[in-house]
Amino acid sequence: MKNLDLSLYLVLDPDLCREIGVAETARLAAEGGATMVQLRDKLADTKAMIETGKALKAALAGTRVPLIINDDVEVAIAIGADGVHVGQSDLPAAMSRALLGADMILGLSVETIDLANRVDPAIVDYVGVGPVFATATKPDHKQPIGFEGLARIVAASPVPAVAIGGLKSGHAASVLAAGARGMAVVSAICGTADPKVAARQLLAEIQEARR
């Protein structure tokens, strides 16, 4: 099993990050303590994703923060990203793993106990569990599960879990109490006046909750 730090997982939303830019947001967030960064842009084509991905690779160079590409194995391989995150309606995890090889990180979204039970730890490195709350950054999301639902799904997963969906400052203790290894955030960092400060505050809350 790969040694992943899921503590503070930033999912970049190019629209929310427009003012500062995704690459600069990622760089500042990594300086502030973000432990993983994912590029999610459902509207961009492969060429645009590769261009943004390369800029992110450069921004994160030397930080040891893994860069994950949402949903697009081709882009991840093209830019030498650290991994891919797929949803239930994307390329199946087994096919993604076959294309990525053994070394790249593969994350999978799970919304139910049944889906968590079906996760193969030989294929998937971590799961994203949610949405904990309703969120405007993903309008087509499934029914929110709350912290009780999060705990049940995390308990059913054979691999480490990161919670996602409307999470922000004040949620860290509940996320960790549910058994998740960390929290994935979008608007809690993207679009804030200072992504570095936002990340630092969130990580401090997570570390405090672990004490």
C-alpha atoms as a PDB file:
ATOM      1  CA  MET A   1       0.000   0.000   0.000  1.00  0.00           C
ATOM      2  CA  LYS A   2       1.279   3.441  -0.922  1.00  0.00           C
ATOM      3  CA  ASN A   3       2.128   5.862   1.861  1.00  0.00           C
ATOM      4  CA  LEU A   4      -0.353   8.665   1.132  1.00  0.00           C
ATOM      5  CA  ASP A   5      -1.012  11.693   3.289  1.00  0.00           C
ATOM      6  CA  LEU A   6      -4.695  12.447   2.741  1.00  0.00           C
ATOM      7  CA  SER A   7      -4.855  15.026   5.572  1.00  0.00           C
ATOM      8  CA  LEU A   8      -5.651  18.100   3.474  1.00  0.00           C
ATOM      9  CA  TYR A   9      -6.601  17.250  -0.099  1.00  0.00           C
ATOM     10  CA  LEU A  10      -7.173  20.271  -2.341  1.00  0.00           C
ATOM     11  CA  VAL A  11      -9.455  19.795  -5.347  1.00  0.00           C
ATOM     12  CA  LEU A  12      -8.835  22.653  -7.743  1.00  0.00           C
ATOM     13  CA  ASP A  13     -11.808  24.300  -9.423  1.00  0.00           C
ATOM     14  CA  PRO A  14     -10.522  26.515 -12.277  1.00  0.00           C
ATOM     15  CA  ASP A  15     -13.616  28.715 -12.101  1.00  0.00           C
ATOM     16  CA  LEU A  16     -13.271  29.412  -8.370  1.00  0.00           C
ATOM     17  CA  CYS A  17      -9.500  29.820  -8.715  1.00  0.00           C
ATOM     18  CA  ARG A  18      -9.727  32.184 -11.671  1.00  0.00           C
ATOM     19  CA  GLU A  19      -8.551  35.309  -9.859  1.00  0.00           C
ATOM     20  CA  ILE A  20      -5.297  33.804  -8.588  1.00  0.00           C
ATOM     21  CA  GLY A  21      -5.066  30.957 -11.116  1.00  0.00           C
ATOM     22  CA  VAL A  22      -4.950  27.221 -10.475  1.00  0.00           C
ATOM     23  CA  ALA A  23      -1.157  26.897 -10.530  1.00  0.00           C
ATOM     24  CA  GLU A  24      -0.602  29.756  -8.091  1.00  0.00           C
ATOM     25  CA  THR A  25      -3.446  28.542  -5.863  1.00  0.00           C
ATOM     26  CA  ALA A  26      -1.855  25.087  -5.770  1.00  0.00           C
ATOM     27  CA  ARG A  27       1.592  26.493  -5.017  1.00  0.00           C
ATOM     28  CA  LEU A  28       0.326  28.665  -2.170  1.00  0.00           C
ATOM     29  CA  ALA A  29      -1.855  25.890  -0.747  1.00  0.00           C
ATOM     30  CA  ALA A  30       1.105  23.481  -0.781  1.00  0.00           C
ATOM     31  CA  GLU A  31       3.165  26.076   1.082  1.00  0.00           C
ATOM     32  CA  GLY A  32       0.349  26.320   3.606  1.00  0.00           C
ATOM     33  CA  GLY A  33       0.254  22.575   4.145  1.00  0.00           C
ATOM     34  CA  ALA A  34      -2.016  20.971   1.530  1.00  0.00           C
ATOM     35  CA  THR A  35      -0.896  17.339   1.315  1.00  0.00           C
ATOM     36  CA  MET A  36      -2.421  16.399  -2.062  1.00  0.00           C
ATOM     37  CA  VAL A  37      -3.689  18.388  -5.038  1.00  0.00           C
ATOM     38  CA  GLN A  38      -6.217  17.297  -7.648  1.00  0.00           C
ATOM     39  CA  LEU A  39      -7.042  19.048 -10.914  1.00  0.00           C
ATOM     40  CA  ARG A  40     -10.748  18.736 -11.685  1.00  0.00           C
ATOM     41  CA  ASP A  41     -12.059  20.492 -14.779  1.00  0.00           C
ATOM     42  CA  LYS A  42     -15.001  18.786 -16.449  1.00  0.00           C
ATOM     43  CA  LEU A  43     -15.239  21.464 -19.168  1.00  0.00           C
ATOM     44  CA  ALA A  44     -11.655  21.414 -20.466  1.00  0.00           C
ATOM     45  CA  ASP A  45     -10.529  19.245 -23.367  1.00  0.00           C
ATOM     46  CA  THR A  46      -7.441  17.038 -23.216  1.00  0.00           C
ATOM     47  CA  LYS A  47      -5.141  19.680 -24.704  1.00  0.00           C
ATOM     48  CA  ALA A  48      -6.225  22.315 -22.157  1.00  0.00           C
ATOM     49  CA  MET A  49      -5.945  19.824 -19.298  1.00  0.00           C
ATOM     50  CA  ILE A  50      -2.397  18.915 -20.341  1.00  0.00           C
ATOM     51  CA  GLU A  51      -1.455  22.601 -20.474  1.00  0.00           C
ATOM     52  CA  THR A  52      -2.896  23.258 -16.997  1.00  0.00           C
ATOM     53  CA  GLY A  53      -1.427  20.030 -15.687  1.00  0.00           C
ATOM     54  CA  LYS A  54       2.066  20.995 -16.812  1.00  0.00           C
ATOM     55  CA  ALA A  55       1.726  24.374 -15.097  1.00  0.00           C
ATOM     56  CA  LEU A  56       0.629  22.594 -11.911  1.00  0.00           C
ATOM     57  CA  LYS A  57       3.551  20.170 -12.115  1.00  0.00           C
ATOM     58  CA  ALA A  58       5.921  23.133 -12.306  1.00  0.00           C
ATOM     59  CA  ALA A  59       4.155  24.924  -9.443  1.00  0.00           C
ATOM     60  CA  LEU A  60       4.378  21.859  -7.191  1.00  0.00           C
ATOM     61  CA  ALA A  61       7.940  20.891  -8.139  1.00  0.00           C
ATOM     62  CA  GLY A  62      10.017  20.264  -5.040  1.00  0.00           C
ATOM     63  CA  THR A  63       7.026  20.245  -2.668  1.00  0.00           C
ATOM     64  CA  ARG A  64       6.502  16.453  -2.556  1.00  0.00           C
ATOM     65  CA  VAL A  65       2.775  17.145  -2.836  1.00  0.00           C
ATOM     66  CA  PRO A  66       1.285  14.599  -5.273  1.00  0.00           C
ATOM     67  CA  LEU A  67      -0.632  15.907  -8.282  1.00  0.00           C
ATOM     68  CA  ILE A  68      -3.758  13.901  -9.108  1.00  0.00           C
ATOM     69  CA  ILE A  69      -5.762  14.315 -12.319  1.00  0.00           C
ATOM     70  CA  ASN A  70      -9.513  13.851 -12.125  1.00  0.00           C
ATOM     71  CA  ASP A  71     -11.024  11.376 -14.517  1.00  0.00           C
ATOM     72  CA  ASP A  72      -8.424  11.585 -17.325  1.00  0.00           C
ATOM     73  CA  VAL A  73      -5.821   8.825 -17.456  1.00  0.00           C
ATOM     74  CA  GLU A  74      -4.491  10.122 -20.788  1.00  0.00           C
ATOM     75  CA  VAL A  75      -3.684  13.537 -19.319  1.00  0.00           C
ATOM     76  CA  ALA A  76      -2.091  12.048 -16.193  1.00  0.00           C
ATOM     77  CA  ILE A  77       0.230   9.862 -18.250  1.00  0.00           C
ATOM     78  CA  ALA A  78       1.034  12.663 -20.710  1.00  0.00           C
ATOM     79  CA  ILE A  79       2.243  15.063 -17.992  1.00  0.00           C
ATOM     80  CA  GLY A  80       3.721  12.477 -15.632  1.00  0.00           C
ATOM     81  CA  ALA A  81       1.219  13.222 -12.856  1.00  0.00           C
ATOM     82  CA  ASP A  82       1.357  11.218  -9.650  1.00  0.00           C
ATOM     83  CA  GLY A  83      -2.043   9.669 -10.144  1.00  0.00           C
ATOM     84  CA  VAL A  84      -5.680   9.750 -11.201  1.00  0.00           C
ATOM     85  CA  HIS A  85      -8.998   9.966  -9.373  1.00  0.00           C
ATOM     86  CA  VAL A  86     -12.012   8.351 -11.037  1.00  0.00           C
ATOM     87  CA  GLY A  87     -15.717   8.360 -10.253  1.00  0.00           C
ATOM     88  CA  GLN A  88     -18.197   5.524 -10.604  1.00  0.00           C
ATOM     89  CA  SER A  89     -19.242   6.725 -14.080  1.00  0.00           C
ATOM     90  CA  ASP A  90     -15.686   7.267 -15.357  1.00  0.00           C
ATOM     91  CA  LEU A  91     -13.257   4.694 -16.754  1.00  0.00           C
ATOM     92  CA  PRO A  92     -13.523   1.641 -14.441  1.00  0.00           C
ATOM     93  CA  ALA A  93     -10.849   1.421 -11.751  1.00  0.00           C
ATOM     94  CA  ALA A  94      -9.444  -1.871 -13.087  1.00  0.00           C
ATOM     95  CA  MET A  95      -9.017  -0.424 -16.581  1.00  0.00           C
ATOM     96  CA  SER A  96      -7.509   2.764 -15.153  1.00  0.00           C
ATOM     97  CA  ARG A  97      -5.003   0.728 -13.138  1.00  0.00           C
ATOM     98  CA  ALA A  98      -4.063  -1.336 -16.201  1.00  0.00           C
ATOM     99  CA  LEU A  99      -3.242   1.878 -18.093  1.00  0.00           C
ATOM    100  CA  LEU A 100      -1.493   3.615 -15.192  1.00  0.00           C
ATOM    101  CA  GLY A 101       0.714   0.735 -14.074  1.00  0.00           C
ATOM    102  CA  ALA A 102       1.393  -0.266 -10.481  1.00  0.00           C
ATOM    103  CA  ASP A 103       3.233   2.831  -9.266  1.00  0.00           C
ATOM    104  CA  MET A 104       0.780   5.662  -9.929  1.00  0.00           C
ATOM    105  CA  ILE A 105      -1.839   6.607  -7.332  1.00  0.00           C
ATOM    106  CA  LEU A 106      -5.446   5.659  -8.076  1.00  0.00           C
ATOM    107  CA  GLY A 107      -8.370   7.118  -6.114  1.00  0.00           C
ATOM    108  CA  LEU A 108     -12.013   6.176  -6.494  1.00  0.00           C
ATOM    109  CA  SER A 109     -15.192   7.989  -5.448  1.00  0.00           C
ATOM    110  CA  VAL A 110     -17.636   5.910  -3.409  1.00  0.00           C
ATOM    111  CA  GLU A 111     -21.036   7.112  -2.228  1.00  0.00           C
ATOM    112  CA  THR A 112     -22.459   3.970  -0.594  1.00  0.00           C
ATOM    113  CA  ILE A 113     -21.476   1.111   1.714  1.00  0.00           C
ATOM    114  CA  ASP A 114     -22.001  -1.334  -1.160  1.00  0.00           C
ATOM    115  CA  LEU A 115     -19.552   0.535  -3.403  1.00  0.00           C
ATOM    116  CA  ALA A 116     -17.014   0.702  -0.560  1.00  0.00           C
ATOM    117  CA  ASN A 117     -17.336  -3.056  -0.021  1.00  0.00           C
ATOM    118  CA  ARG A 118     -16.522  -3.657  -3.680  1.00  0.00           C
ATOM    119  CA  VAL A 119     -13.243  -1.709  -3.630  1.00  0.00           C
ATOM    120  CA  ASP A 120     -10.241  -3.881  -4.511  1.00  0.00           C
ATOM    121  CA  PRO A 121      -7.166  -2.779  -2.514  1.00  0.00           C
ATOM    122  CA  ALA A 122      -4.948  -4.364  -5.160  1.00  0.00           C
ATOM    123  CA  ILE A 123      -6.288  -1.770  -7.618  1.00  0.00           C
ATOM    124  CA  VAL A 124      -7.403   1.292  -5.625  1.00  0.00           C
ATOM    125  CA  ASP A 125      -5.121   3.217  -3.219  1.00  0.00           C
ATOM    126  CA  TYR A 126      -7.719   5.415  -1.518  1.00  0.00           C
ATOM    127  CA  VAL A 127     -11.387   6.329  -1.729  1.00  0.00           C
ATOM    128  CA  GLY A 128     -13.092   9.705  -1.731  1.00  0.00           C
ATOM    129  CA  VAL A 129     -16.260   9.396   0.356  1.00  0.00           C
ATOM    130  CA  GLY A 130     -19.141  11.817   0.068  1.00  0.00           C
ATOM    131  CA  PRO A 131     -20.705  14.155  -0.456  1.00  0.00           C
ATOM    132  CA  VAL A 132     -20.826  14.818   3.275  1.00  0.00           C
ATOM    133  CA  PHE A 133     -22.834  17.994   2.588  1.00  0.00           C
ATOM    134  CA  ALA A 134     -24.441  19.497  -0.497  1.00  0.00           C
ATOM    135  CA  THR A 135     -21.954  21.558  -2.495  1.00  0.00           C
ATOM    136  CA  ALA A 136     -22.294  24.031  -5.336  1.00  0.00           C
ATOM    137  CA  THR A 137     -18.907  23.033  -6.786  1.00  0.00           C
ATOM    138  CA  LYS A 138     -20.377  19.722  -8.008  1.00  0.00           C
ATOM    139  CA  PRO A 139     -24.038  20.308  -8.943  1.00  0.00           C
ATOM    140  CA  ASP A 140     -24.656  16.693 -10.041  1.00  0.00           C
ATOM    141  CA  HIS A 141     -23.565  15.145  -6.761  1.00  0.00           C
ATOM    142  CA  LYS A 142     -25.430  12.329  -5.031  1.00  0.00           C
ATOM    143  CA  GLN A 143     -27.537  12.692  -1.872  1.00  0.00           C
ATOM    144  CA  PRO A 144     -25.437  14.100   1.021  1.00  0.00           C
ATOM    145  CA  ILE A 145     -24.498  11.425   3.574  1.00  0.00           C
ATOM    146  CA  GLY A 146     -23.621  13.518   6.655  1.00  0.00           C
ATOM    147  CA  PHE A 147     -20.993  12.474   9.183  1.00  0.00           C
ATOM    148  CA  GLU A 148     -22.924   9.345  10.224  1.00  0.00           C
ATOM    149  CA  GLY A 149     -23.070   8.138   6.634  1.00  0.00           C
ATOM    150  CA  LEU A 150     -19.397   9.012   6.231  1.00  0.00           C
ATOM    151  CA  ALA A 151     -18.485   6.836   9.226  1.00  0.00           C
ATOM    152  CA  ARG A 152     -20.453   3.849   7.890  1.00  0.00           C
ATOM    153  CA  ILE A 153     -18.907   4.034   4.427  1.00  0.00           C
ATOM    154  CA  VAL A 154     -15.360   4.603   5.754  1.00  0.00           C
ATOM    155  CA  ALA A 155     -15.767   1.543   7.987  1.00  0.00           C
ATOM    156  CA  ALA A 156     -16.729  -0.549   4.944  1.00  0.00           C
ATOM    157  CA  SER A 157     -13.726   0.532   2.862  1.00  0.00           C
ATOM    158  CA  PRO A 158     -10.624  -1.683   2.748  1.00  0.00           C
ATOM    159  CA  VAL A 159      -8.450   1.316   1.806  1.00  0.00           C
ATOM    160  CA  PRO A 160      -7.880   4.753   3.421  1.00  0.00           C
ATOM    161  CA  ALA A 161     -10.624   7.318   2.885  1.00  0.00           C
ATOM    162  CA  VAL A 162     -10.743  11.069   2.405  1.00  0.00           C
ATOM    163  CA  ALA A 163     -14.042  12.867   3.055  1.00  0.00           C
ATOM    164  CA  ILE A 164     -15.398  15.301   0.464  1.00  0.00           C
ATOM    165  CA  GLY A 165     -18.414  17.510  -0.119  1.00  0.00           C
ATOM    166  CA  GLY A 166     -19.022  20.967   1.336  1.00  0.00           C
ATOM    167  CA  LEU A 167     -16.263  20.622   3.929  1.00  0.00           C
ATOM    168  CA  LYS A 168     -14.624  23.665   5.447  1.00  0.00           C
ATOM    169  CA  SER A 169     -13.160  25.117   8.625  1.00  0.00           C
ATOM    170  CA  GLY A 170     -14.814  23.613  11.695  1.00  0.00           C
ATOM    171  CA  HIS A 171     -15.348  20.166  10.177  1.00  0.00           C
ATOM    172  CA  ALA A 172     -11.959  18.525  10.809  1.00  0.00           C
ATOM    173  CA  ALA A 173     -12.768  16.911  14.159  1.00  0.00           C
ATOM    174  CA  SER A 174     -15.996  15.346  12.849  1.00  0.00           C
ATOM    175  CA  VAL A 175     -14.257  14.096   9.686  1.00  0.00           C
ATOM    176  CA  LEU A 176     -11.501  12.374  11.669  1.00  0.00           C
ATOM    177  CA  ALA A 177     -13.944  11.028  14.266  1.00  0.00           C
ATOM    178  CA  ALA A 178     -15.773   9.306  11.383  1.00  0.00           C
ATOM    179  CA  GLY A 179     -12.570   7.446  10.551  1.00  0.00           C
ATOM    180  CA  ALA A 180     -11.485   9.357   7.447  1.00  0.00           C
ATOM    181  CA  ARG A 181      -7.767  10.073   7.062  1.00  0.00           C
ATOM    182  CA  GLY A 182      -8.416  13.644   6.000  1.00  0.00           C
ATOM    183  CA  MET A 183     -10.694  16.069   4.218  1.00  0.00           C
ATOM    184  CA  ALA A 184     -10.893  17.153   0.608  1.00  0.00           C
ATOM    185  CA  VAL A 185     -11.838  20.779   0.081  1.00  0.00           C
ATOM    186  CA  VAL A 186     -12.575  23.019  -2.876  1.00  0.00           C
ATOM    187  CA  SER A 187     -14.017  26.427  -1.972  1.00  0.00           C
ATOM    188  CA  ALA A 188     -12.405  26.384   1.504  1.00  0.00           C
ATOM    189  CA  ILE A 189      -9.122  27.120  -0.340  1.00  0.00           C
ATOM    190  CA  CYS A 190     -10.001  27.897  -3.983  1.00  0.00           C
ATOM    191  CA  GLY A 191     -11.160  31.463  -4.375  1.00  0.00           C
ATOM    192  CA  THR A 192     -10.062  32.573  -0.906  1.00  0.00           C
ATOM    193  CA  ALA A 193      -8.017  35.772  -0.652  1.00  0.00           C
ATOM    194  CA  ASP A 194      -4.962  33.820   0.542  1.00  0.00           C
ATOM    195  CA  PRO A 195      -4.876  30.084  -0.240  1.00  0.00           C
ATOM    196  CA  LYS A 196      -1.703  29.682   1.842  1.00  0.00           C
ATOM    197  CA  VAL A 197      -3.339  31.048   4.992  1.00  0.00           C
ATOM    198  CA  ALA A 198      -6.551  29.077   4.306  1.00  0.00           C
ATOM    199  CA  ALA A 199      -4.577  25.823   3.933  1.00  0.00           C
ATOM    200  CA  ARG A 200      -2.492  26.538   7.029  1.00  0.00           C
ATOM    201  CA  GLN A 201      -5.604  27.112   9.163  1.00  0.00           C
ATOM    202  CA  LEU A 202      -7.304  23.957   7.906  1.00  0.00           C
ATOM    203  CA  LEU A 203      -4.209  21.817   8.485  1.00  0.00           C
ATOM    204  CA  ALA A 204      -3.840  23.248  12.008  1.00  0.00           C
ATOM    205  CA  GLU A 205      -7.425  22.173  12.737  1.00  0.00           C
ATOM    206  CA  ILE A 206      -6.739  18.679  11.397  1.00  0.00           C
ATOM    207  CA  GLN A 207      -3.574  18.345  13.462  1.00  0.00           C
ATOM    208  CA  GLU A 208      -5.384  19.628  16.553  1.00  0.00           C
ATOM    209  CA  ALA A 209      -8.167  17.073  16.041  1.00  0.00           C
ATOM    210  CA  ARG A 210      -5.587  14.281  15.953  1.00  0.00           C
ATOM    211  CA  ARG A 211      -4.150  15.180  19.348  1.00  0.00           C
END
